[in-house]
Amino acid sequence: MRSVTVVGHRGDPYRARENTLASIGSAFAAGADAVEVDVRLTEDEVPVLLHDDTLKRLWRHDRPLSSLTHARLRELTGGGVPTLRDALLTAGAHRLMLDLPGGNEASVRRIVGAVREAGAGERVYYCAGAVAMLQVRAADPHAEIALTWTSLAPPRPALLDAVRPKWLNYRFGLVSRELAERVHRDGLLLSAWTPDTRRTMRRLIANGVDSITTNRVDVLASVLRKVP
């Protein structure tokens, strides 16, 4: 079987609410090698798992996360929004890929610091656009980074030198064999997000991706079992 890293997108959201401990556990049980989660800060700077900047979509409270203390967040969600520390404990020896939506210098430093305090540096890698990943690199010279890139034009050499990513992370529709070959020639690994059909997964594998982030971990695991 080809070695392709299976990453659960916000956990296993078809089975459990995204960015929750149940979703993380379900993704690993279904065969994920890593789980991608979104990390933001509460008003009192506790790193928690939430993609959106408000609670409206998932928790039916139209309140910005940045206006809520962690204690108030727990009240509003019944403890459903986990802390980053709790997510790391749930993941155990498995890896988490931390996406940092809306990250600024202060929040990135706090999140990287929380990873360091938990002794989880070897079990964590980071993904987002160039601005956030430059901040991660400044906060941790040894961090593993997946630079999210949304253009077929390659990142500038100066940016790659500054960020020093291990991965380039592309929307799956941009991925071709030619792109994979170029990324590999540059000494980087290629990750793709977020295909959920067998046909697209098979195409990405045939094109040479090294990692796939999906909402359907079970489907991807099944596809990979059939790949020579």
Foldseek 3Di string as FASTA:
>chain_A
DDAAAEEAEQAQCVVPPGQFLVRNLVLVVLPHQEYEFEWDAALVGFIWTDDDQACCPPQNDRGGRNDGDPVVVCVSRVPGIGTPLVNCVSCDQGAYEYEYPPDDLVNLLSVLVVCVVSVNQVRYAYEDALRSLLSNCVNPVPHAYAHEDEDPPDDDPVSCVRNVHQEHEYALVSQALVSQVVCVVVVHAYEYDEDDDLVSLVRNVVSPHRYYYYSHSNSNVVSVVPDD
